[in-house]
N, C-alpha and C. Protein backbone atom coordinates (compact mmCIF):
# COMPACT_ATOMS: atom_id res chain seq x y z
N UNK A 1 28.55 109.74 197.75
CA UNK A 1 28.66 110.96 196.95
C UNK A 1 29.62 110.75 195.76
N UNK A 2 30.76 110.08 196.04
CA UNK A 2 31.71 109.80 194.97
C UNK A 2 31.11 108.88 193.92
N UNK A 3 30.36 107.88 194.39
CA UNK A 3 29.73 106.94 193.46
C UNK A 3 28.70 107.66 192.58
N UNK A 4 27.86 108.51 193.18
CA UNK A 4 26.85 109.24 192.42
C UNK A 4 27.51 110.22 191.44
N UNK A 5 28.60 110.84 191.85
CA UNK A 5 29.33 111.76 190.95
C UNK A 5 29.87 111.00 189.75
N UNK A 6 30.43 109.82 190.01
CA UNK A 6 30.96 108.99 188.91
C UNK A 6 29.85 108.55 187.98
N UNK A 7 28.70 108.14 188.55
CA UNK A 7 27.56 107.74 187.72
C UNK A 7 27.03 108.92 186.89
N UNK A 8 26.96 110.09 187.50
CA UNK A 8 26.47 111.28 186.79
C UNK A 8 27.41 111.63 185.64
N UNK A 9 28.71 111.53 185.87
CA UNK A 9 29.70 111.81 184.82
C UNK A 9 29.55 110.81 183.68
N UNK A 10 29.40 109.53 184.02
CA UNK A 10 29.22 108.49 183.00
C UNK A 10 27.92 108.72 182.21
N UNK A 11 26.86 109.10 182.91
CA UNK A 11 25.58 109.36 182.25
C UNK A 11 25.71 110.56 181.31
N UNK A 12 26.41 111.61 181.74
CA UNK A 12 26.59 112.78 180.88
C UNK A 12 27.36 112.42 179.62
N UNK A 13 28.40 111.58 179.76
CA UNK A 13 29.18 111.14 178.61
C UNK A 13 28.31 110.30 177.68
N UNK A 14 27.49 109.42 178.24
CA UNK A 14 26.61 108.59 177.43
C UNK A 14 25.59 109.44 176.67
N UNK A 15 25.01 110.45 177.35
CA UNK A 15 24.05 111.34 176.68
C UNK A 15 24.72 112.11 175.54
N UNK A 16 25.92 112.60 175.78
CA UNK A 16 26.65 113.35 174.74
C UNK A 16 26.99 112.44 173.56
N UNK A 17 27.42 111.22 173.84
CA UNK A 17 27.70 110.27 172.76
C UNK A 17 26.45 109.96 171.95
N UNK A 18 25.32 109.79 172.63
CA UNK A 18 24.06 109.52 171.93
C UNK A 18 23.65 110.71 171.06
N UNK A 19 23.84 111.92 171.58
CA UNK A 19 23.53 113.13 170.82
C UNK A 19 24.42 113.23 169.57
N UNK A 20 25.70 112.99 169.75
CA UNK A 20 26.63 113.05 168.62
C UNK A 20 26.32 111.97 167.58
N UNK A 21 25.96 110.79 168.05
CA UNK A 21 25.60 109.70 167.14
C UNK A 21 24.36 110.07 166.33
N UNK A 22 23.35 110.61 167.00
CA UNK A 22 22.12 111.02 166.32
C UNK A 22 22.42 112.12 165.29
N UNK A 23 23.27 113.08 165.67
CA UNK A 23 23.66 114.16 164.78
C UNK A 23 24.39 113.60 163.55
N UNK A 24 25.30 112.65 163.77
CA UNK A 24 26.05 112.05 162.67
C UNK A 24 25.12 111.27 161.73
N UNK A 25 24.16 110.54 162.29
CA UNK A 25 23.19 109.83 161.44
C UNK A 25 22.38 110.80 160.58
N UNK A 26 21.97 111.92 161.18
CA UNK A 26 21.21 112.93 160.43
C UNK A 26 22.06 113.51 159.32
N UNK A 27 23.32 113.78 159.58
CA UNK A 27 24.24 114.32 158.56
C UNK A 27 24.44 113.31 157.42
N UNK A 28 24.59 112.06 157.77
CA UNK A 28 24.77 111.04 156.73
C UNK A 28 23.53 110.93 155.86
N UNK A 29 22.37 110.96 156.50
CA UNK A 29 21.11 110.90 155.75
C UNK A 29 20.99 112.11 154.83
N UNK A 30 21.34 113.27 155.35
CA UNK A 30 21.29 114.51 154.57
C UNK A 30 22.26 114.44 153.38
N UNK A 31 23.45 113.93 153.60
CA UNK A 31 24.44 113.80 152.52
C UNK A 31 23.95 112.82 151.46
N UNK A 32 23.33 111.73 151.88
CA UNK A 32 22.81 110.75 150.92
C UNK A 32 21.65 111.34 150.13
N UNK A 33 20.78 112.09 150.80
CA UNK A 33 19.67 112.74 150.12
C UNK A 33 20.19 113.75 149.10
N UNK A 34 21.21 114.52 149.48
CA UNK A 34 21.81 115.49 148.57
C UNK A 34 22.44 114.79 147.37
N UNK A 35 23.13 113.68 147.61
CA UNK A 35 23.75 112.93 146.53
C UNK A 35 22.69 112.41 145.56
N UNK A 36 21.60 111.86 146.09
CA UNK A 36 20.52 111.35 145.26
C UNK A 36 19.87 112.48 144.45
N UNK A 37 19.65 113.61 145.11
CA UNK A 37 19.02 114.75 144.44
C UNK A 37 19.89 115.28 143.31
N UNK A 38 21.18 115.40 143.54
CA UNK A 38 22.05 115.93 142.49
C UNK A 38 22.24 114.92 141.36
N UNK A 39 22.21 113.64 141.68
CA UNK A 39 22.31 112.61 140.64
C UNK A 39 21.12 112.68 139.70
N UNK A 40 19.95 112.97 140.23
CA UNK A 40 18.74 113.01 139.40
C UNK A 40 18.78 114.14 138.38
N UNK A 41 19.64 115.15 138.60
CA UNK A 41 19.70 116.29 137.68
C UNK A 41 20.24 115.91 136.31
N UNK A 42 20.98 114.83 136.23
CA UNK A 42 21.58 114.44 134.95
C UNK A 42 20.61 113.66 134.06
N UNK A 43 19.40 113.44 134.53
CA UNK A 43 18.45 112.61 133.79
C UNK A 43 17.73 113.35 132.66
N UNK A 44 17.70 114.68 132.70
CA UNK A 44 16.90 115.45 131.73
C UNK A 44 17.73 115.94 130.57
N UNK A 45 17.10 115.94 129.39
CA UNK A 45 17.76 116.46 128.19
C UNK A 45 17.10 117.73 127.68
N UNK A 46 15.98 118.14 128.30
CA UNK A 46 15.36 119.42 127.93
C UNK A 46 15.12 120.24 129.20
N UNK A 47 15.10 121.55 129.04
CA UNK A 47 15.05 122.45 130.19
C UNK A 47 13.78 122.30 131.01
N UNK A 48 12.62 122.17 130.34
CA UNK A 48 11.37 122.11 131.10
C UNK A 48 11.34 120.89 132.02
N UNK A 49 11.80 119.76 131.53
CA UNK A 49 11.87 118.56 132.36
C UNK A 49 12.87 118.76 133.49
N UNK A 50 14.01 119.36 133.18
CA UNK A 50 15.02 119.61 134.20
C UNK A 50 14.50 120.52 135.30
N UNK A 51 13.76 121.57 134.93
CA UNK A 51 13.21 122.48 135.94
C UNK A 51 12.29 121.71 136.91
N UNK A 52 11.46 120.82 136.38
CA UNK A 52 10.57 120.04 137.25
C UNK A 52 11.37 119.09 138.14
N UNK A 53 12.43 118.49 137.59
CA UNK A 53 13.29 117.62 138.40
C UNK A 53 13.94 118.42 139.53
N UNK A 54 14.36 119.65 139.23
CA UNK A 54 14.96 120.50 140.26
C UNK A 54 13.97 120.74 141.40
N UNK A 55 12.72 121.10 141.06
CA UNK A 55 11.73 121.37 142.10
C UNK A 55 11.36 120.10 142.87
N UNK A 56 11.27 118.98 142.19
CA UNK A 56 10.97 117.71 142.87
C UNK A 56 12.12 117.30 143.79
N UNK A 57 13.34 117.47 143.31
CA UNK A 57 14.51 117.03 144.08
C UNK A 57 14.77 117.90 145.30
N UNK A 58 14.59 119.21 145.16
CA UNK A 58 14.87 120.09 146.30
C UNK A 58 13.86 119.86 147.43
N UNK A 59 12.67 119.34 147.08
CA UNK A 59 11.67 119.04 148.11
C UNK A 59 12.17 117.98 149.08
N UNK A 60 13.06 117.10 148.62
CA UNK A 60 13.63 116.08 149.50
C UNK A 60 14.69 116.65 150.44
N UNK A 61 15.20 117.83 150.11
CA UNK A 61 16.23 118.47 150.93
C UNK A 61 15.68 119.55 151.85
N UNK A 62 14.82 120.39 151.29
CA UNK A 62 14.26 121.53 152.03
C UNK A 62 12.75 121.51 151.82
N UNK A 63 11.98 121.29 152.87
CA UNK A 63 10.53 121.23 152.71
C UNK A 63 9.96 122.57 152.23
N UNK A 64 8.95 122.50 151.39
CA UNK A 64 8.25 123.71 150.95
C UNK A 64 6.80 123.36 150.68
N UNK A 65 5.98 124.40 150.61
CA UNK A 65 4.58 124.19 150.24
C UNK A 65 4.31 124.67 148.82
N UNK A 66 5.13 125.60 148.36
CA UNK A 66 5.08 126.02 146.95
C UNK A 66 6.49 126.37 146.55
N UNK A 67 6.83 126.05 145.31
CA UNK A 67 8.15 126.38 144.79
C UNK A 67 8.03 126.82 143.35
N UNK A 68 8.97 127.66 142.94
CA UNK A 68 9.01 128.07 141.54
C UNK A 68 10.45 128.36 141.16
N UNK A 69 10.69 128.38 139.88
CA UNK A 69 11.98 128.80 139.35
C UNK A 69 11.71 130.00 138.46
N UNK A 70 12.43 131.08 138.73
CA UNK A 70 12.34 132.29 137.92
C UNK A 70 13.70 132.55 137.29
N UNK A 71 13.69 132.97 136.04
CA UNK A 71 14.93 133.37 135.38
C UNK A 71 14.79 134.82 134.95
N UNK A 72 15.90 135.49 134.84
CA UNK A 72 15.91 136.86 134.37
C UNK A 72 15.93 136.84 132.85
N UNK A 73 14.96 137.49 132.23
CA UNK A 73 14.83 137.47 130.78
C UNK A 73 14.44 138.86 130.30
N UNK A 74 15.40 139.59 129.73
CA UNK A 74 15.18 140.93 129.18
C UNK A 74 14.53 141.87 130.19
N UNK A 75 15.11 141.95 131.36
CA UNK A 75 14.64 142.89 132.37
C UNK A 75 13.39 142.45 133.12
N UNK A 76 12.95 141.23 132.88
CA UNK A 76 11.78 140.71 133.58
C UNK A 76 12.13 139.38 134.25
N UNK A 77 11.49 139.12 135.38
CA UNK A 77 11.58 137.80 136.00
C UNK A 77 10.51 136.95 135.34
N UNK A 78 10.91 135.84 134.77
CA UNK A 78 9.97 134.95 134.09
C UNK A 78 9.89 133.63 134.83
N UNK A 79 8.67 133.21 135.16
CA UNK A 79 8.46 131.93 135.82
C UNK A 79 8.59 130.83 134.77
N UNK A 80 9.53 129.89 135.03
CA UNK A 80 9.73 128.79 134.08
C UNK A 80 9.27 127.45 134.63
N UNK A 81 8.99 127.38 135.94
CA UNK A 81 8.48 126.15 136.54
C UNK A 81 7.82 126.49 137.87
N UNK A 82 6.73 125.76 138.19
CA UNK A 82 6.00 125.97 139.45
C UNK A 82 5.57 124.62 139.98
N UNK A 83 5.58 124.50 141.32
CA UNK A 83 5.11 123.26 141.94
C UNK A 83 4.40 123.63 143.23
N UNK A 84 3.26 123.01 143.47
CA UNK A 84 2.54 123.22 144.72
C UNK A 84 1.24 123.98 144.51
N UNK A 85 0.53 124.24 145.63
CA UNK A 85 -0.75 124.93 145.53
C UNK A 85 -0.57 126.35 144.99
N UNK A 86 -1.63 126.87 144.43
CA UNK A 86 -1.67 128.22 143.87
C UNK A 86 -0.78 128.35 142.64
N UNK A 87 -0.41 127.22 142.02
CA UNK A 87 0.40 127.27 140.81
C UNK A 87 -0.35 127.98 139.69
N UNK A 88 -1.67 127.87 139.70
CA UNK A 88 -2.47 128.53 138.66
C UNK A 88 -2.35 130.04 138.74
N UNK A 89 -2.09 130.57 139.94
CA UNK A 89 -1.95 132.02 140.12
C UNK A 89 -0.60 132.52 139.61
N UNK A 90 0.34 131.62 139.44
CA UNK A 90 1.69 131.98 138.97
C UNK A 90 2.07 131.01 137.85
N UNK A 91 1.41 131.12 136.68
CA UNK A 91 1.63 130.13 135.63
C UNK A 91 3.01 130.26 134.98
N UNK A 92 3.47 129.15 134.43
CA UNK A 92 4.72 129.14 133.68
C UNK A 92 4.58 130.13 132.53
N UNK A 93 5.59 130.94 132.34
CA UNK A 93 5.57 131.96 131.30
C UNK A 93 5.19 133.34 131.82
N UNK A 94 4.63 133.40 133.02
CA UNK A 94 4.26 134.70 133.62
C UNK A 94 5.51 135.54 133.81
N UNK A 95 5.42 136.82 133.47
CA UNK A 95 6.57 137.72 133.59
C UNK A 95 6.22 138.85 134.55
N UNK A 96 7.22 139.23 135.35
CA UNK A 96 7.09 140.35 136.27
C UNK A 96 8.26 141.29 136.00
N UNK A 97 7.99 142.55 135.75
CA UNK A 97 9.11 143.47 135.53
C UNK A 97 9.97 143.59 136.79
N UNK A 98 11.27 143.71 136.59
CA UNK A 98 12.20 143.90 137.70
C UNK A 98 12.21 145.37 138.05
N UNK A 99 11.81 145.71 139.26
CA UNK A 99 11.72 147.09 139.72
C UNK A 99 13.06 147.50 140.35
N UNK A 100 13.95 148.06 139.53
CA UNK A 100 15.29 148.40 140.04
C UNK A 100 15.25 149.56 141.02
N UNK A 101 14.20 150.40 140.96
CA UNK A 101 14.08 151.48 141.96
C UNK A 101 13.80 150.89 143.34
N UNK A 102 13.07 149.82 143.38
CA UNK A 102 12.69 149.21 144.65
C UNK A 102 13.75 148.24 145.18
N UNK A 103 14.34 147.45 144.26
CA UNK A 103 15.24 146.38 144.68
C UNK A 103 16.69 146.59 144.28
N UNK A 104 16.96 147.59 143.47
CA UNK A 104 18.31 147.76 142.94
C UNK A 104 18.48 146.94 141.69
N UNK A 105 19.63 147.05 141.08
CA UNK A 105 19.90 146.28 139.86
C UNK A 105 20.05 144.79 140.20
N UNK A 106 19.53 143.94 139.31
CA UNK A 106 19.60 142.49 139.51
C UNK A 106 21.03 142.04 139.73
N UNK A 107 21.95 142.49 138.87
CA UNK A 107 23.34 142.05 138.99
C UNK A 107 23.98 142.56 140.28
N UNK A 108 23.60 143.76 140.72
CA UNK A 108 24.15 144.31 141.97
C UNK A 108 23.64 143.55 143.18
N UNK A 109 22.36 143.13 143.13
CA UNK A 109 21.76 142.41 144.25
C UNK A 109 22.54 141.14 144.57
N UNK A 110 23.03 140.45 143.53
CA UNK A 110 23.68 139.16 143.73
C UNK A 110 25.19 139.21 143.57
N UNK A 111 25.74 140.41 143.28
CA UNK A 111 27.18 140.52 143.01
C UNK A 111 28.02 139.98 144.16
N UNK A 112 27.76 140.47 145.35
CA UNK A 112 28.56 140.03 146.50
C UNK A 112 27.88 138.89 147.24
N UNK A 113 26.64 138.64 146.90
CA UNK A 113 25.85 137.64 147.63
C UNK A 113 25.67 136.40 146.76
N UNK A 114 26.33 135.35 147.08
CA UNK A 114 26.22 134.10 146.32
C UNK A 114 25.55 133.03 147.16
N UNK A 115 24.63 133.48 148.00
CA UNK A 115 23.94 132.53 148.87
C UNK A 115 22.47 132.90 148.95
N UNK A 116 21.64 132.02 149.46
CA UNK A 116 20.20 132.29 149.52
C UNK A 116 19.86 133.50 150.37
N UNK A 117 18.77 134.10 149.96
CA UNK A 117 18.18 135.21 150.70
C UNK A 117 16.87 134.66 151.25
N UNK A 118 16.65 134.78 152.56
CA UNK A 118 15.38 134.28 153.07
C UNK A 118 14.78 135.24 154.08
N UNK A 119 13.46 135.26 154.07
CA UNK A 119 12.70 136.10 154.98
C UNK A 119 11.90 135.19 155.90
N UNK A 120 12.03 135.45 157.16
CA UNK A 120 11.33 134.62 158.15
C UNK A 120 9.82 134.88 158.15
N UNK A 121 9.43 136.13 157.84
CA UNK A 121 8.00 136.45 157.76
C UNK A 121 7.82 137.55 156.72
N UNK A 122 7.29 137.20 155.56
CA UNK A 122 7.18 138.16 154.47
C UNK A 122 6.23 139.30 154.78
N UNK A 123 5.34 139.12 155.74
CA UNK A 123 4.40 140.19 156.08
C UNK A 123 5.10 141.39 156.69
N UNK A 124 6.30 141.18 157.19
CA UNK A 124 7.04 142.30 157.78
C UNK A 124 8.10 142.85 156.82
N UNK A 125 8.07 142.42 155.57
CA UNK A 125 9.08 142.84 154.59
C UNK A 125 8.47 143.75 153.53
N UNK A 126 9.02 144.94 153.39
CA UNK A 126 8.55 145.86 152.36
C UNK A 126 9.04 145.44 150.97
N UNK A 127 10.00 144.54 150.94
CA UNK A 127 10.60 144.07 149.69
C UNK A 127 9.60 143.31 148.84
N UNK A 128 8.59 142.73 149.50
CA UNK A 128 7.67 141.85 148.80
C UNK A 128 6.55 142.59 148.10
N UNK A 129 6.18 142.05 146.94
CA UNK A 129 5.01 142.53 146.21
C UNK A 129 3.81 141.83 146.82
N UNK A 130 2.68 142.49 146.83
CA UNK A 130 1.47 141.95 147.45
C UNK A 130 1.13 140.54 146.99
N UNK A 131 1.24 140.25 145.69
CA UNK A 131 0.80 138.93 145.22
C UNK A 131 1.71 137.79 145.65
N UNK A 132 2.87 138.09 146.23
CA UNK A 132 3.74 137.01 146.70
C UNK A 132 3.24 136.40 148.01
N UNK A 133 2.50 137.16 148.80
CA UNK A 133 2.11 136.59 150.09
C UNK A 133 0.61 136.65 150.35
N UNK A 134 -0.18 136.94 149.32
CA UNK A 134 -1.62 136.99 149.56
C UNK A 134 -2.25 135.62 149.66
N UNK A 135 -1.48 134.58 149.49
CA UNK A 135 -2.01 133.22 149.61
C UNK A 135 -1.60 132.58 150.93
N UNK A 136 -1.23 133.40 151.89
CA UNK A 136 -0.90 132.97 153.25
C UNK A 136 0.45 132.28 153.37
N UNK A 137 1.33 132.45 152.41
CA UNK A 137 2.69 131.95 152.57
C UNK A 137 3.46 132.98 153.36
N UNK A 138 4.14 132.55 154.41
CA UNK A 138 4.79 133.50 155.31
C UNK A 138 6.31 133.46 155.23
N UNK A 139 6.90 132.26 155.10
CA UNK A 139 8.35 132.16 154.99
C UNK A 139 8.72 132.05 153.51
N UNK A 140 9.81 132.70 153.14
CA UNK A 140 10.24 132.69 151.74
C UNK A 140 11.76 132.57 151.68
N UNK A 141 12.23 131.80 150.70
CA UNK A 141 13.67 131.71 150.47
C UNK A 141 13.91 131.74 148.97
N UNK A 142 14.86 132.56 148.55
CA UNK A 142 15.29 132.64 147.16
C UNK A 142 16.72 132.14 147.05
N UNK A 143 16.92 131.08 146.28
CA UNK A 143 18.24 130.47 146.15
C UNK A 143 18.77 130.79 144.75
N UNK A 144 19.90 131.49 144.66
CA UNK A 144 20.42 131.84 143.33
C UNK A 144 20.95 130.63 142.58
N UNK A 145 20.62 130.59 141.29
CA UNK A 145 21.17 129.58 140.38
C UNK A 145 22.27 130.29 139.59
N UNK A 146 23.49 129.86 139.79
CA UNK A 146 24.63 130.55 139.18
C UNK A 146 25.15 129.75 137.99
N UNK A 147 25.25 130.45 136.86
CA UNK A 147 25.79 129.86 135.64
C UNK A 147 26.86 130.81 135.11
N UNK A 148 28.05 130.30 134.91
CA UNK A 148 29.18 131.09 134.42
C UNK A 148 29.40 132.34 135.24
N UNK A 149 29.38 132.18 136.53
CA UNK A 149 29.65 133.25 137.49
C UNK A 149 28.61 134.37 137.49
N UNK A 150 27.44 134.12 136.89
CA UNK A 150 26.35 135.10 136.93
C UNK A 150 25.10 134.41 137.46
N UNK A 151 24.27 135.19 138.15
CA UNK A 151 23.01 134.63 138.66
C UNK A 151 22.01 134.57 137.52
N UNK A 152 21.74 133.35 137.09
CA UNK A 152 20.84 133.06 135.98
C UNK A 152 19.38 133.21 136.40
N UNK A 153 19.08 132.79 137.63
CA UNK A 153 17.71 132.83 138.13
C UNK A 153 17.67 132.45 139.59
N UNK A 154 16.46 132.23 140.08
CA UNK A 154 16.25 131.89 141.49
C UNK A 154 15.31 130.70 141.61
N UNK A 155 15.58 129.88 142.60
CA UNK A 155 14.61 128.89 143.05
C UNK A 155 13.91 129.52 144.24
N UNK A 156 12.60 129.69 144.14
CA UNK A 156 11.82 130.27 145.25
C UNK A 156 11.14 129.16 146.03
N UNK A 157 11.25 129.22 147.34
CA UNK A 157 10.54 128.28 148.19
C UNK A 157 9.66 129.07 149.15
N UNK A 158 8.40 128.64 149.27
CA UNK A 158 7.44 129.30 150.18
C UNK A 158 6.92 128.29 151.18
N UNK A 159 6.66 128.79 152.38
CA UNK A 159 6.05 127.95 153.42
C UNK A 159 5.05 128.79 154.21
N UNK A 160 3.98 128.15 154.66
CA UNK A 160 2.95 128.87 155.40
C UNK A 160 3.38 129.28 156.82
N UNK A 161 4.31 128.52 157.40
CA UNK A 161 4.74 128.82 158.77
C UNK A 161 5.76 129.96 158.77
N UNK A 162 5.56 130.97 159.61
CA UNK A 162 6.61 131.99 159.74
C UNK A 162 7.83 131.38 160.43
N UNK A 163 8.98 131.95 160.18
CA UNK A 163 10.25 131.49 160.77
C UNK A 163 10.58 130.04 160.43
N UNK A 164 10.16 129.59 159.26
CA UNK A 164 10.37 128.19 158.90
C UNK A 164 11.79 127.93 158.41
N UNK A 165 12.29 128.77 157.51
CA UNK A 165 13.59 128.51 156.89
C UNK A 165 14.74 128.96 157.79
N UNK A 166 15.80 128.15 157.78
CA UNK A 166 16.94 128.38 158.66
C UNK A 166 18.22 128.49 157.83
N UNK A 167 19.30 128.85 158.50
CA UNK A 167 20.62 128.90 157.85
C UNK A 167 21.00 127.51 157.33
N UNK A 168 20.64 126.48 158.05
CA UNK A 168 20.94 125.11 157.61
C UNK A 168 20.21 124.79 156.32
N UNK A 169 18.91 125.17 156.23
CA UNK A 169 18.16 125.00 154.98
C UNK A 169 18.86 125.74 153.85
N UNK A 170 19.29 126.99 154.14
CA UNK A 170 19.91 127.82 153.11
C UNK A 170 21.20 127.19 152.59
N UNK A 171 22.04 126.68 153.49
CA UNK A 171 23.31 126.07 153.08
C UNK A 171 23.07 124.83 152.22
N UNK A 172 22.13 124.01 152.62
CA UNK A 172 21.81 122.79 151.87
C UNK A 172 21.24 123.14 150.50
N UNK A 173 20.33 124.12 150.47
CA UNK A 173 19.70 124.53 149.22
C UNK A 173 20.73 125.11 148.25
N UNK A 174 21.69 125.88 148.77
CA UNK A 174 22.68 126.47 147.88
C UNK A 174 23.62 125.43 147.29
N UNK A 175 23.97 124.43 148.08
CA UNK A 175 24.79 123.34 147.56
C UNK A 175 24.08 122.66 146.39
N UNK A 176 22.79 122.40 146.58
CA UNK A 176 22.00 121.78 145.52
C UNK A 176 21.87 122.71 144.31
N UNK A 177 21.61 124.00 144.55
CA UNK A 177 21.43 124.96 143.46
C UNK A 177 22.69 125.10 142.61
N UNK A 178 23.85 124.94 143.24
CA UNK A 178 25.11 124.99 142.48
C UNK A 178 25.15 123.86 141.46
N UNK A 179 24.74 122.68 141.87
CA UNK A 179 24.69 121.54 140.96
C UNK A 179 23.59 121.73 139.91
N UNK A 180 22.48 122.34 140.32
CA UNK A 180 21.39 122.61 139.37
C UNK A 180 21.86 123.58 138.28
N UNK A 181 22.66 124.58 138.66
CA UNK A 181 23.20 125.51 137.67
C UNK A 181 24.06 124.80 136.64
N UNK A 182 24.89 123.87 137.10
CA UNK A 182 25.74 123.10 136.18
C UNK A 182 24.86 122.27 135.25
N UNK A 183 23.82 121.65 135.78
CA UNK A 183 22.92 120.83 134.96
C UNK A 183 22.17 121.68 133.94
N UNK A 184 21.74 122.87 134.33
CA UNK A 184 21.04 123.77 133.39
C UNK A 184 21.98 124.17 132.26
N UNK A 185 23.20 124.54 132.62
CA UNK A 185 24.16 124.94 131.59
C UNK A 185 24.44 123.79 130.62
N UNK A 186 24.61 122.58 131.14
CA UNK A 186 24.86 121.42 130.27
C UNK A 186 23.66 121.17 129.35
N UNK A 187 22.45 121.30 129.89
CA UNK A 187 21.25 121.10 129.07
C UNK A 187 21.13 122.18 128.00
N UNK A 188 21.44 123.43 128.36
CA UNK A 188 21.42 124.50 127.36
C UNK A 188 22.42 124.23 126.24
N UNK A 189 23.63 123.79 126.61
CA UNK A 189 24.64 123.48 125.61
C UNK A 189 24.20 122.31 124.72
N UNK A 190 23.57 121.31 125.33
CA UNK A 190 23.08 120.15 124.56
C UNK A 190 22.02 120.59 123.56
N UNK A 191 21.05 121.42 124.02
CA UNK A 191 20.00 121.87 123.14
C UNK A 191 20.54 122.77 122.02
N UNK A 192 21.55 123.59 122.34
CA UNK A 192 22.18 124.43 121.32
C UNK A 192 22.88 123.57 120.29
N UNK A 193 23.51 122.49 120.74
CA UNK A 193 24.21 121.58 119.82
C UNK A 193 23.22 120.88 118.90
N UNK A 194 22.05 120.53 119.42
CA UNK A 194 21.03 119.91 118.57
C UNK A 194 20.57 120.87 117.47
């Protein structure tokens, strides 16, 4: 009995060490992927190219089936980049008026919230407009892009599986979006200087 107890204790320690090792390897891989993704942001000198790099890079961090970047422009959400299926239904340049009666003021929505907003199943959310989920996308995450302490726009990620996005996805996406905001601001300043 003593021998079996000792073996069981040793086995439990070995399993825990293996779990921790696997967790640490995953974290290192995630950190390296994040480093690579943020490094790629410095490659663009124009906004349109940068927006595509942002969507390509975030795919390595947080899986999606469709992604877009929307910016707030004169009271409207304007799509400035799209990637994935159904991109033709949401073309670059498409504008959607911001319905402050339904969602509140844009600045108020993000004033205290500097982190992603995600819905596990958009079919159960009254917040969504019909055309956002009529293509069978069920999970949605909006990651704020912050420039000069204001929310400049959102990176939208869609997935067909309900309950796909997690708090871990949100934290990783926000870290990346913070770097994307810095890259967008630098590109805007560069283009203004030209």
